[in-house]
Amino acid sequence: MPFGESKAERLEWKKWLQTNRDFLVVDCGVPVHVVDDKNQWWHFLGHGYVPECFNIDMLSKEQLQNLKQFVDREYGEDFGVTVGKQIGLILRKQQETRP
């Protein structure tokens, strides 16, 4: 349990995982250990990677699109999550380089 986290916060995270885990892992390609660990999830959202194990560049175009839609829906397009911005940039770059 992270320091200072209340029982209600742990329960809320557990419910969030039950709702979103399969989609994030299967449809978005985010590794289980990143999704299951609240601190790693927030690190990934803030930086686009988890040290020594996962980077947003490892995702396919479809996974990136799914993750971008999830981040926008879950946190709002104006949330300012780094990973959402990175996905947008990657997808735009892919469109520009398409013949």
PDB file of N, CA and C in Angstrom:
ATOM      1  N   MET A   1       0.849  -1.179   0.000  1.00  0.00           N
ATOM      2  CA  MET A   1       0.000   0.000   0.000  1.00  0.00           C
ATOM      3  C   MET A   1       0.887   1.233   0.000  1.00  0.00           C
ATOM      4  N   PRO A   2       0.683   2.142  -0.930  1.00  0.00           N
ATOM      5  CA  PRO A   2       1.450   3.379  -0.937  1.00  0.00           C
ATOM      6  C   PRO A   2       1.207   4.168   0.341  1.00  0.00           C
ATOM      7  N   PHE A   3       2.249   4.843   0.784  1.00  0.00           N
ATOM      8  CA  PHE A   3       2.179   5.626   2.016  1.00  0.00           C
ATOM      9  C   PHE A   3       1.037   6.632   1.954  1.00  0.00           C
ATOM     10  N   GLY A   4       0.255   6.669   3.002  1.00  0.00           N
ATOM     11  CA  GLY A   4      -0.808   7.660   3.119  1.00  0.00           C
ATOM     12  C   GLY A   4      -2.069   7.354   2.327  1.00  0.00           C
ATOM     13  N   GLU A   5      -2.133   6.218   1.670  1.00  0.00           N
ATOM     14  CA  GLU A   5      -3.313   5.891   0.880  1.00  0.00           C
ATOM     15  C   GLU A   5      -4.380   5.286   1.790  1.00  0.00           C
ATOM     16  N   SER A   6      -5.566   5.809   1.711  1.00  0.00           N
ATOM     17  CA  SER A   6      -6.649   5.331   2.564  1.00  0.00           C
ATOM     18  C   SER A   6      -7.263   4.051   2.002  1.00  0.00           C
ATOM     19  N   LYS A   7      -8.031   3.399   2.834  1.00  0.00           N
ATOM     20  CA  LYS A   7      -8.728   2.188   2.406  1.00  0.00           C
ATOM     21  C   LYS A   7      -9.668   2.503   1.244  1.00  0.00           C
ATOM     22  N   ALA A   8     -10.329   3.649   1.303  1.00  0.00           N
ATOM     23  CA  ALA A   8     -11.242   4.062   0.231  1.00  0.00           C
ATOM     24  C   ALA A   8     -10.491   4.263  -1.085  1.00  0.00           C
ATOM     25  N   GLU A   9      -9.304   4.842  -1.008  1.00  0.00           N
ATOM     26  CA  GLU A   9      -8.506   5.049  -2.225  1.00  0.00           C
ATOM     27  C   GLU A   9      -8.044   3.715  -2.813  1.00  0.00           C
ATOM     28  N   ARG A  10      -7.670   2.782  -1.955  1.00  0.00           N
ATOM     29  CA  ARG A  10      -7.270   1.453  -2.441  1.00  0.00           C
ATOM     30  C   ARG A  10      -8.448   0.749  -3.095  1.00  0.00           C
ATOM     31  N   LEU A  11      -9.615   0.878  -2.499  1.00  0.00           N
ATOM     32  CA  LEU A  11     -10.817   0.263  -3.054  1.00  0.00           C
ATOM     33  C   LEU A  11     -11.176   0.905  -4.401  1.00  0.00           C
ATOM     34  N   GLU A  12     -11.062   2.208  -4.474  1.00  0.00           N
ATOM     35  CA  GLU A  12     -11.340   2.917  -5.731  1.00  0.00           C
ATOM     36  C   GLU A  12     -10.391   2.452  -6.829  1.00  0.00           C
ATOM     37  N   TRP A  13      -9.101   2.279  -6.511  1.00  0.00           N
ATOM     38  CA  TRP A  13      -8.128   1.796  -7.491  1.00  0.00           C
ATOM     39  C   TRP A  13      -8.474   0.373  -7.936  1.00  0.00           C
ATOM     40  N   LYS A  14      -8.867  -0.460  -6.981  1.00  0.00           N
ATOM     41  CA  LYS A  14      -9.235  -1.834  -7.300  1.00  0.00           C
ATOM     42  C   LYS A  14     -10.426  -1.869  -8.256  1.00  0.00           C
ATOM     43  N   LYS A  15     -11.413  -1.035  -8.038  1.00  0.00           N
ATOM     44  CA  LYS A  15     -12.578  -0.957  -8.932  1.00  0.00           C
ATOM     45  C   LYS A  15     -12.164  -0.452 -10.308  1.00  0.00           C
ATOM     46  N   TRP A  16     -11.296   0.547 -10.333  1.00  0.00           N
ATOM     47  CA  TRP A  16     -10.804   1.097 -11.597  1.00  0.00           C
ATOM     48  C   TRP A  16     -10.102  -0.003 -12.395  1.00  0.00           C
ATOM     49  N   LEU A  17      -9.275  -0.798 -11.708  1.00  0.00           N
ATOM     50  CA  LEU A  17      -8.590  -1.902 -12.378  1.00  0.00           C
ATOM     51  C   LEU A  17      -9.572  -2.919 -12.943  1.00  0.00           C
ATOM     52  N   GLN A  18     -10.575  -3.276 -12.169  1.00  0.00           N
ATOM     53  CA  GLN A  18     -11.563  -4.247 -12.629  1.00  0.00           C
ATOM     54  C   GLN A  18     -12.265  -3.749 -13.891  1.00  0.00           C
ATOM     55  N   THR A  19     -12.486  -2.473 -13.975  1.00  0.00           N
ATOM     56  CA  THR A  19     -13.179  -1.881 -15.121  1.00  0.00           C
ATOM     57  C   THR A  19     -12.269  -1.746 -16.341  1.00  0.00           C
ATOM     58  N   ASN A  20     -11.010  -1.397 -16.147  1.00  0.00           N
ATOM     59  CA  ASN A  20     -10.146  -0.980 -17.255  1.00  0.00           C
ATOM     60  C   ASN A  20      -8.981  -1.894 -17.596  1.00  0.00           C
ATOM     61  N   ARG A  21      -8.624  -2.801 -16.721  1.00  0.00           N
ATOM     62  CA  ARG A  21      -7.408  -3.597 -16.878  1.00  0.00           C
ATOM     63  C   ARG A  21      -7.363  -4.371 -18.201  1.00  0.00           C
ATOM     64  N   ASP A  22      -8.385  -5.122 -18.489  1.00  0.00           N
ATOM     65  CA  ASP A  22      -8.364  -5.951 -19.706  1.00  0.00           C
ATOM     66  C   ASP A  22      -8.209  -5.105 -20.961  1.00  0.00           C
ATOM     67  N   PHE A  23      -8.929  -4.003 -21.045  1.00  0.00           N
ATOM     68  CA  PHE A  23      -8.824  -3.136 -22.215  1.00  0.00           C
ATOM     69  C   PHE A  23      -7.407  -2.585 -22.354  1.00  0.00           C
ATOM     70  N   LEU A  24      -6.839  -2.097 -21.257  1.00  0.00           N
ATOM     71  CA  LEU A  24      -5.502  -1.515 -21.316  1.00  0.00           C
ATOM     72  C   LEU A  24      -4.447  -2.545 -21.709  1.00  0.00           C
ATOM     73  N   VAL A  25      -4.580  -3.757 -21.199  1.00  0.00           N
ATOM     74  CA  VAL A  25      -3.598  -4.799 -21.488  1.00  0.00           C
ATOM     75  C   VAL A  25      -3.805  -5.382 -22.887  1.00  0.00           C
ATOM     76  N   VAL A  26      -5.037  -5.776 -23.206  1.00  0.00           N
ATOM     77  CA  VAL A  26      -5.305  -6.464 -24.472  1.00  0.00           C
ATOM     78  C   VAL A  26      -5.369  -5.498 -25.648  1.00  0.00           C
ATOM     79  N   ASP A  27      -6.152  -4.442 -25.523  1.00  0.00           N
ATOM     80  CA  ASP A  27      -6.390  -3.543 -26.657  1.00  0.00           C
ATOM     81  C   ASP A  27      -5.363  -2.416 -26.792  1.00  0.00           C
ATOM     82  N   CYS A  28      -4.728  -2.056 -25.678  1.00  0.00           N
ATOM     83  CA  CYS A  28      -3.759  -0.960 -25.719  1.00  0.00           C
ATOM     84  C   CYS A  28      -2.315  -1.433 -25.622  1.00  0.00           C
ATOM     85  N   GLY A  29      -2.104  -2.695 -25.250  1.00  0.00           N
ATOM     86  CA  GLY A  29      -0.751  -3.243 -25.201  1.00  0.00           C
ATOM     87  C   GLY A  29       0.085  -2.812 -24.013  1.00  0.00           C
ATOM     88  N   VAL A  30      -0.552  -2.262 -22.990  1.00  0.00           N
ATOM     89  CA  VAL A  30       0.194  -1.853 -21.796  1.00  0.00           C
ATOM     90  C   VAL A  30       0.452  -3.107 -20.960  1.00  0.00           C
ATOM     91  N   PRO A  31       1.694  -3.342 -20.558  1.00  0.00           N
ATOM     92  CA  PRO A  31       1.994  -4.549 -19.787  1.00  0.00           C
ATOM     93  C   PRO A  31       1.203  -4.609 -18.475  1.00  0.00           C
ATOM     94  N   VAL A  32       0.871  -5.818 -18.073  1.00  0.00           N
ATOM     95  CA  VAL A  32       0.093  -6.054 -16.857  1.00  0.00           C
ATOM     96  C   VAL A  32       0.734  -5.375 -15.652  1.00  0.00           C
ATOM     97  N   HIS A  33       2.051  -5.519 -15.503  1.00  0.00           N
ATOM     98  CA  HIS A  33       2.698  -4.970 -14.307  1.00  0.00           C
ATOM     99  C   HIS A  33       2.648  -3.437 -14.263  1.00  0.00           C
ATOM    100  N   VAL A  34       2.501  -2.799 -15.404  1.00  0.00           N
ATOM    101  CA  VAL A  34       2.366  -1.334 -15.432  1.00  0.00           C
ATOM    102  C   VAL A  34       0.952  -0.940 -15.026  1.00  0.00           C
ATOM    103  N   VAL A  35      -0.028  -1.653 -15.534  1.00  0.00           N
ATOM    104  CA  VAL A  35      -1.430  -1.358 -15.213  1.00  0.00           C
ATOM    105  C   VAL A  35      -1.741  -1.688 -13.754  1.00  0.00           C
ATOM    106  N   ASP A  36      -1.215  -2.795 -13.263  1.00  0.00           N
ATOM    107  CA  ASP A  36      -1.542  -3.251 -11.914  1.00  0.00           C
ATOM    108  C   ASP A  36      -0.928  -2.404 -10.807  1.00  0.00           C
ATOM    109  N   ASP A  37       0.131  -1.709 -11.101  1.00  0.00           N
ATOM    110  CA  ASP A  37       0.816  -0.900 -10.093  1.00  0.00           C
ATOM    111  C   ASP A  37       0.459   0.571 -10.296  1.00  0.00           C
ATOM    112  N   LYS A  38      -0.255   1.124  -9.350  1.00  0.00           N
ATOM    113  CA  LYS A  38      -0.741   2.503  -9.463  1.00  0.00           C
ATOM    114  C   LYS A  38       0.402   3.493  -9.701  1.00  0.00           C
ATOM    115  N   ASN A  39       1.506   3.314  -8.997  1.00  0.00           N
ATOM    116  CA  ASN A  39       2.637   4.233  -9.166  1.00  0.00           C
ATOM    117  C   ASN A  39       3.244   4.118 -10.558  1.00  0.00           C
ATOM    118  N   GLN A  40       3.366   2.890 -11.078  1.00  0.00           N
ATOM    119  CA  GLN A  40       3.912   2.730 -12.427  1.00  0.00           C
ATOM    120  C   GLN A  40       2.950   3.287 -13.469  1.00  0.00           C
ATOM    121  N   TRP A  41       1.645   3.088 -13.263  1.00  0.00           N
ATOM    122  CA  TRP A  41       0.657   3.624 -14.198  1.00  0.00           C
ATOM    123  C   TRP A  41       0.781   5.140 -14.294  1.00  0.00           C
ATOM    124  N   TRP A  42       0.835   5.803 -13.144  1.00  0.00           N
ATOM    125  CA  TRP A  42       0.935   7.266 -13.153  1.00  0.00           C
ATOM    126  C   TRP A  42       2.274   7.735 -13.700  1.00  0.00           C
ATOM    127  N   HIS A  43       3.332   6.970 -13.464  1.00  0.00           N
ATOM    128  CA  HIS A  43       4.626   7.313 -14.055  1.00  0.00           C
ATOM    129  C   HIS A  43       4.538   7.215 -15.573  1.00  0.00           C
ATOM    130  N   PHE A  44       3.942   6.135 -16.053  1.00  0.00           N
ATOM    131  CA  PHE A  44       3.766   5.959 -17.497  1.00  0.00           C
ATOM    132  C   PHE A  44       2.961   7.107 -18.095  1.00  0.00           C
ATOM    133  N   LEU A  45       1.860   7.480 -17.437  1.00  0.00           N
ATOM    134  CA  LEU A  45       1.055   8.589 -17.952  1.00  0.00           C
ATOM    135  C   LEU A  45       1.837   9.891 -17.979  1.00  0.00           C
ATOM    136  N   GLY A  46       2.666  10.109 -16.996  1.00  0.00           N
ATOM    137  CA  GLY A  46       3.421  11.355 -16.914  1.00  0.00           C
ATOM    138  C   GLY A  46       4.644  11.419 -17.796  1.00  0.00           C
ATOM    139  N   HIS A  47       5.194  10.254 -18.170  1.00  0.00           N
ATOM    140  CA  HIS A  47       6.471  10.248 -18.890  1.00  0.00           C
ATOM    141  C   HIS A  47       6.468   9.467 -20.197  1.00  0.00           C
ATOM    142  N   GLY A  48       5.483   8.589 -20.383  1.00  0.00           N
ATOM    143  CA  GLY A  48       5.431   7.793 -21.610  1.00  0.00           C
ATOM    144  C   GLY A  48       6.289   6.545 -21.571  1.00  0.00           C
ATOM    145  N   TYR A  49       6.838   6.232 -20.419  1.00  0.00           N
ATOM    146  CA  TYR A  49       7.650   5.024 -20.271  1.00  0.00           C
ATOM    147  C   TYR A  49       7.692   4.624 -18.797  1.00  0.00           C
ATOM    148  N   VAL A  50       8.115   3.394 -18.575  1.00  0.00           N
ATOM    149  CA  VAL A  50       8.438   2.909 -17.236  1.00  0.00           C
ATOM    150  C   VAL A  50       9.879   2.420 -17.343  1.00  0.00           C
ATOM    151  N   PRO A  51      10.777   2.951 -16.518  1.00  0.00           N
ATOM    152  CA  PRO A  51      12.202   2.633 -16.659  1.00  0.00           C
ATOM    153  C   PRO A  51      12.483   1.140 -16.791  1.00  0.00           C
ATOM    154  N   GLU A  52      13.304   0.836 -17.772  1.00  0.00           N
ATOM    155  CA  GLU A  52      13.845  -0.494 -18.006  1.00  0.00           C
ATOM    156  C   GLU A  52      12.817  -1.570 -18.338  1.00  0.00           C
ATOM    157  N   CYS A  53      11.563  -1.174 -18.687  1.00  0.00           N
ATOM    158  CA  CYS A  53      10.628  -2.253 -19.006  1.00  0.00           C
ATOM    159  C   CYS A  53       9.611  -1.912 -20.099  1.00  0.00           C
ATOM    160  N   PHE A  54       9.247  -0.644 -20.261  1.00  0.00           N
ATOM    161  CA  PHE A  54       8.190  -0.359 -21.224  1.00  0.00           C
ATOM    162  C   PHE A  54       8.263   1.084 -21.695  1.00  0.00           C
ATOM    163  N   ASN A  55       8.058   1.249 -23.002  1.00  0.00           N
ATOM    164  CA  ASN A  55       8.095   2.565 -23.617  1.00  0.00           C
ATOM    165  C   ASN A  55       6.939   2.660 -24.605  1.00  0.00           C
ATOM    166  N   ILE A  56       6.360   3.807 -24.713  1.00  0.00           N
ATOM    167  CA  ILE A  56       5.213   4.026 -25.596  1.00  0.00           C
ATOM    168  C   ILE A  56       5.536   3.688 -27.049  1.00  0.00           C
ATOM    169  N   ASP A  57       6.798   3.791 -27.431  1.00  0.00           N
ATOM    170  CA  ASP A  57       7.203   3.474 -28.807  1.00  0.00           C
ATOM    171  C   ASP A  57       7.056   1.990 -29.142  1.00  0.00           C
ATOM    172  N   MET A  58       6.817   1.160 -28.143  1.00  0.00           N
ATOM    173  CA  MET A  58       6.658  -0.277 -28.362  1.00  0.00           C
ATOM    174  C   MET A  58       5.258  -0.640 -28.859  1.00  0.00           C
ATOM    175  N   LEU A  59       4.344   0.302 -28.855  1.00  0.00           N
ATOM    176  CA  LEU A  59       2.955   0.027 -29.207  1.00  0.00           C
ATOM    177  C   LEU A  59       2.708   0.161 -30.707  1.00  0.00           C
ATOM    178  N   SER A  60       1.781  -0.634 -31.211  1.00  0.00           N
ATOM    179  CA  SER A  60       1.375  -0.545 -32.614  1.00  0.00           C
ATOM    180  C   SER A  60       0.488   0.685 -32.801  1.00  0.00           C
ATOM    181  N   LYS A  61       0.226   1.022 -34.048  1.00  0.00           N
ATOM    182  CA  LYS A  61      -0.639   2.160 -34.356  1.00  0.00           C
ATOM    183  C   LYS A  61      -2.028   1.966 -33.731  1.00  0.00           C
ATOM    184  N   GLU A  62      -2.592   0.779 -33.866  1.00  0.00           N
ATOM    185  CA  GLU A  62      -3.918   0.497 -33.311  1.00  0.00           C
ATOM    186  C   GLU A  62      -3.910   0.612 -31.778  1.00  0.00           C
ATOM    187  N   GLN A  63      -2.860   0.087 -31.150  1.00  0.00           N
ATOM    188  CA  GLN A  63      -2.755   0.190 -29.696  1.00  0.00           C
ATOM    189  C   GLN A  63      -2.631   1.650 -29.260  1.00  0.00           C
ATOM    190  N   LEU A  64      -1.851   2.423 -30.007  1.00  0.00           N
ATOM    191  CA  LEU A  64      -1.711   3.851 -29.699  1.00  0.00           C
ATOM    192  C   LEU A  64      -3.057   4.572 -29.803  1.00  0.00           C
ATOM    193  N   GLN A  65      -3.800   4.273 -30.851  1.00  0.00           N
ATOM    194  CA  GLN A  65      -5.110   4.900 -31.028  1.00  0.00           C
ATOM    195  C   GLN A  65      -6.055   4.532 -29.883  1.00  0.00           C
ATOM    196  N   ASN A  66      -6.057   3.262 -29.503  1.00  0.00           N
ATOM    197  CA  ASN A  66      -6.897   2.819 -28.390  1.00  0.00           C
ATOM    198  C   ASN A  66      -6.499   3.506 -27.084  1.00  0.00           C
ATOM    199  N   LEU A  67      -5.200   3.585 -26.854  1.00  0.00           N
ATOM    200  CA  LEU A  67      -4.720   4.215 -25.622  1.00  0.00           C
ATOM    201  C   LEU A  67      -5.039   5.703 -25.605  1.00  0.00           C
ATOM    202  N   LYS A  68      -4.880   6.366 -26.740  1.00  0.00           N
ATOM    203  CA  LYS A  68      -5.198   7.802 -26.819  1.00  0.00           C
ATOM    204  C   LYS A  68      -6.675   8.030 -26.527  1.00  0.00           C
ATOM    205  N   GLN A  69      -7.542   7.231 -27.110  1.00  0.00           N
ATOM    206  CA  GLN A  69      -8.977   7.358 -26.842  1.00  0.00           C
ATOM    207  C   GLN A  69      -9.282   7.114 -25.370  1.00  0.00           C
ATOM    208  N   PHE A  70      -8.619   6.128 -24.784  1.00  0.00           N
ATOM    209  CA  PHE A  70      -8.832   5.836 -23.370  1.00  0.00           C
ATOM    210  C   PHE A  70      -8.394   7.013 -22.498  1.00  0.00           C
ATOM    211  N   VAL A  71      -7.198   7.519 -22.746  1.00  0.00           N
ATOM    212  CA  VAL A  71      -6.671   8.630 -21.941  1.00  0.00           C
ATOM    213  C   VAL A  71      -7.570   9.856 -22.083  1.00  0.00           C
ATOM    214  N   ASP A  72      -7.984  10.159 -23.300  1.00  0.00           N
ATOM    215  CA  ASP A  72      -8.869  11.306 -23.517  1.00  0.00           C
ATOM    216  C   ASP A  72     -10.201  11.124 -22.800  1.00  0.00           C
ATOM    217  N   ARG A  73     -10.753   9.929 -22.876  1.00  0.00           N
ATOM    218  CA  ARG A  73     -12.045   9.641 -22.245  1.00  0.00           C
ATOM    219  C   ARG A  73     -11.927   9.621 -20.714  1.00  0.00           C
ATOM    220  N   GLU A  74     -10.894   8.992 -20.224  1.00  0.00           N
ATOM    221  CA  GLU A  74     -10.736   8.788 -18.785  1.00  0.00           C
ATOM    222  C   GLU A  74     -10.315  10.059 -18.051  1.00  0.00           C
ATOM    223  N   TYR A  75      -9.431  10.831 -18.675  1.00  0.00           N
ATOM    224  CA  TYR A  75      -8.846  11.989 -17.997  1.00  0.00           C
ATOM    225  C   TYR A  75      -9.182  13.320 -18.661  1.00  0.00           C
ATOM    226  N   GLY A  76      -9.768  13.266 -19.850  1.00  0.00           N
ATOM    227  CA  GLY A  76     -10.094  14.479 -20.586  1.00  0.00           C
ATOM    228  C   GLY A  76      -8.949  14.883 -21.497  1.00  0.00           C
ATOM    229  N   GLU A  77      -9.315  15.431 -22.636  1.00  0.00           N
ATOM    230  CA  GLU A  77      -8.296  15.826 -23.619  1.00  0.00           C
ATOM    231  C   GLU A  77      -7.376  16.915 -23.095  1.00  0.00           C
ATOM    232  N   ASP A  78      -7.850  17.713 -22.161  1.00  0.00           N
ATOM    233  CA  ASP A  78      -7.054  18.815 -21.624  1.00  0.00           C
ATOM    234  C   ASP A  78      -6.307  18.436 -20.354  1.00  0.00           C
ATOM    235  N   PHE A  79      -6.317  17.150 -20.014  1.00  0.00           N
ATOM    236  CA  PHE A  79      -5.676  16.695 -18.782  1.00  0.00           C
ATOM    237  C   PHE A  79      -4.190  17.000 -18.784  1.00  0.00           C
ATOM    238  N   GLY A  80      -3.599  17.024 -19.958  1.00  0.00           N
ATOM    239  CA  GLY A  80      -2.176  17.339 -20.061  1.00  0.00           C
ATOM    240  C   GLY A  80      -1.276  16.151 -19.790  1.00  0.00           C
ATOM    241  N   VAL A  81      -1.830  14.970 -19.892  1.00  0.00           N
ATOM    242  CA  VAL A  81      -1.028  13.775 -19.662  1.00  0.00           C
ATOM    243  C   VAL A  81      -0.004  13.646 -20.786  1.00  0.00           C
ATOM    244  N   THR A  82       1.233  13.501 -20.411  1.00  0.00           N
ATOM    245  CA  THR A  82       2.313  13.417 -21.393  1.00  0.00           C
ATOM    246  C   THR A  82       2.081  12.310 -22.401  1.00  0.00           C
ATOM    247  N   VAL A  83       1.649  11.161 -21.935  1.00  0.00           N
ATOM    248  CA  VAL A  83       1.478  10.037 -22.849  1.00  0.00           C
ATOM    249  C   VAL A  83       0.430  10.355 -23.909  1.00  0.00           C
ATOM    250  N   GLY A  84      -0.623  11.043 -23.553  1.00  0.00           N
ATOM    251  CA  GLY A  84      -1.645  11.435 -24.526  1.00  0.00           C
ATOM    252  C   GLY A  84      -1.077  12.362 -25.586  1.00  0.00           C
ATOM    253  N   LYS A  85      -0.248  13.298 -25.165  1.00  0.00           N
ATOM    254  CA  LYS A  85       0.388  14.210 -26.113  1.00  0.00           C
ATOM    255  C   LYS A  85       1.373  13.469 -27.009  1.00  0.00           C
ATOM    256  N   GLN A  86       2.131  12.553 -26.419  1.00  0.00           N
ATOM    257  CA  GLN A  86       3.087  11.781 -27.209  1.00  0.00           C
ATOM    258  C   GLN A  86       2.376  10.933 -28.251  1.00  0.00           C
ATOM    259  N   ILE A  87       1.278  10.311 -27.865  1.00  0.00           N
ATOM    260  CA  ILE A  87       0.516   9.484 -28.802  1.00  0.00           C
ATOM    261  C   ILE A  87       0.027  10.340 -29.958  1.00  0.00           C
ATOM    262  N   GLY A  88      -0.525  11.491 -29.646  1.00  0.00           N
ATOM    263  CA  GLY A  88      -1.000  12.398 -30.690  1.00  0.00           C
ATOM    264  C   GLY A  88       0.107  12.754 -31.662  1.00  0.00           C
ATOM    265  N   LEU A  89       1.282  13.049 -31.143  1.00  0.00           N
ATOM    266  CA  LEU A  89       2.417  13.393 -32.005  1.00  0.00           C
ATOM    267  C   LEU A  89       2.849  12.207 -32.867  1.00  0.00           C
ATOM    268  N   ILE A  90       2.904  11.034 -32.281  1.00  0.00           N
ATOM    269  CA  ILE A  90       3.301   9.831 -33.031  1.00  0.00           C
ATOM    270  C   ILE A  90       2.303   9.549 -34.144  1.00  0.00           C
ATOM    271  N   LEU A  91       1.011   9.627 -33.817  1.00  0.00           N
ATOM    272  CA  LEU A  91      -0.014   9.343 -34.826  1.00  0.00           C
ATOM    273  C   LEU A  91       0.006  10.381 -35.949  1.00  0.00           C
ATOM    274  N   ARG A  92       0.197  11.649 -35.608  1.00  0.00           N
ATOM    275  CA  ARG A  92       0.284  12.688 -36.648  1.00  0.00           C
ATOM    276  C   ARG A  92       1.499  12.452 -37.546  1.00  0.00           C
ATOM    277  N   LYS A  93       2.608  12.095 -36.937  1.00  0.00           N
ATOM    278  CA  LYS A  93       3.822  11.839 -37.709  1.00  0.00           C
ATOM    279  C   LYS A  93       3.610  10.650 -38.646  1.00  0.00           C
ATOM    280  N   GLN A  94       2.925   9.610 -38.164  1.00  0.00           N
ATOM    281  CA  GLN A  94       2.656   8.447 -39.001  1.00  0.00           C
ATOM    282  C   GLN A  94       1.780   8.821 -40.186  1.00  0.00           C
ATOM    283  N   GLN A  95       0.785   9.686 -39.984  1.00  0.00           N
ATOM    284  CA  GLN A  95      -0.090  10.119 -41.072  1.00  0.00           C
ATOM    285  C   GLN A  95       0.676  10.935 -42.098  1.00  0.00           C
ATOM    286  N   GLU A  96       1.580  11.778 -41.647  1.00  0.00           N
ATOM    287  CA  GLU A  96       2.352  12.635 -42.543  1.00  0.00           C
ATOM    288  C   GLU A  96       3.295  11.836 -43.419  1.00  0.00           C
ATOM    289  N   THR A  97       3.802  10.721 -42.890  1.00  0.00           N
ATOM    290  CA  THR A  97       4.783   9.934 -43.645  1.00  0.00           C
ATOM    291  C   THR A  97       4.125   8.875 -44.520  1.00  0.00           C
ATOM    292  N   ARG A  98       2.811   8.732 -44.405  1.00  0.00           N
ATOM    293  CA  ARG A  98       2.098   7.753 -45.241  1.00  0.00           C
ATOM    294  C   ARG A  98       2.022   8.269 -46.664  1.00  0.00           C
ATOM    295  N   PRO A  99       2.277   7.375 -47.652  1.00  0.00           N
ATOM    296  CA  PRO A  99       2.226   7.808 -49.070  1.00  0.00           C
ATOM    297  C   PRO A  99       0.807   8.120 -49.517  1.00  0.00           C
TER     298      PRO A  99
END
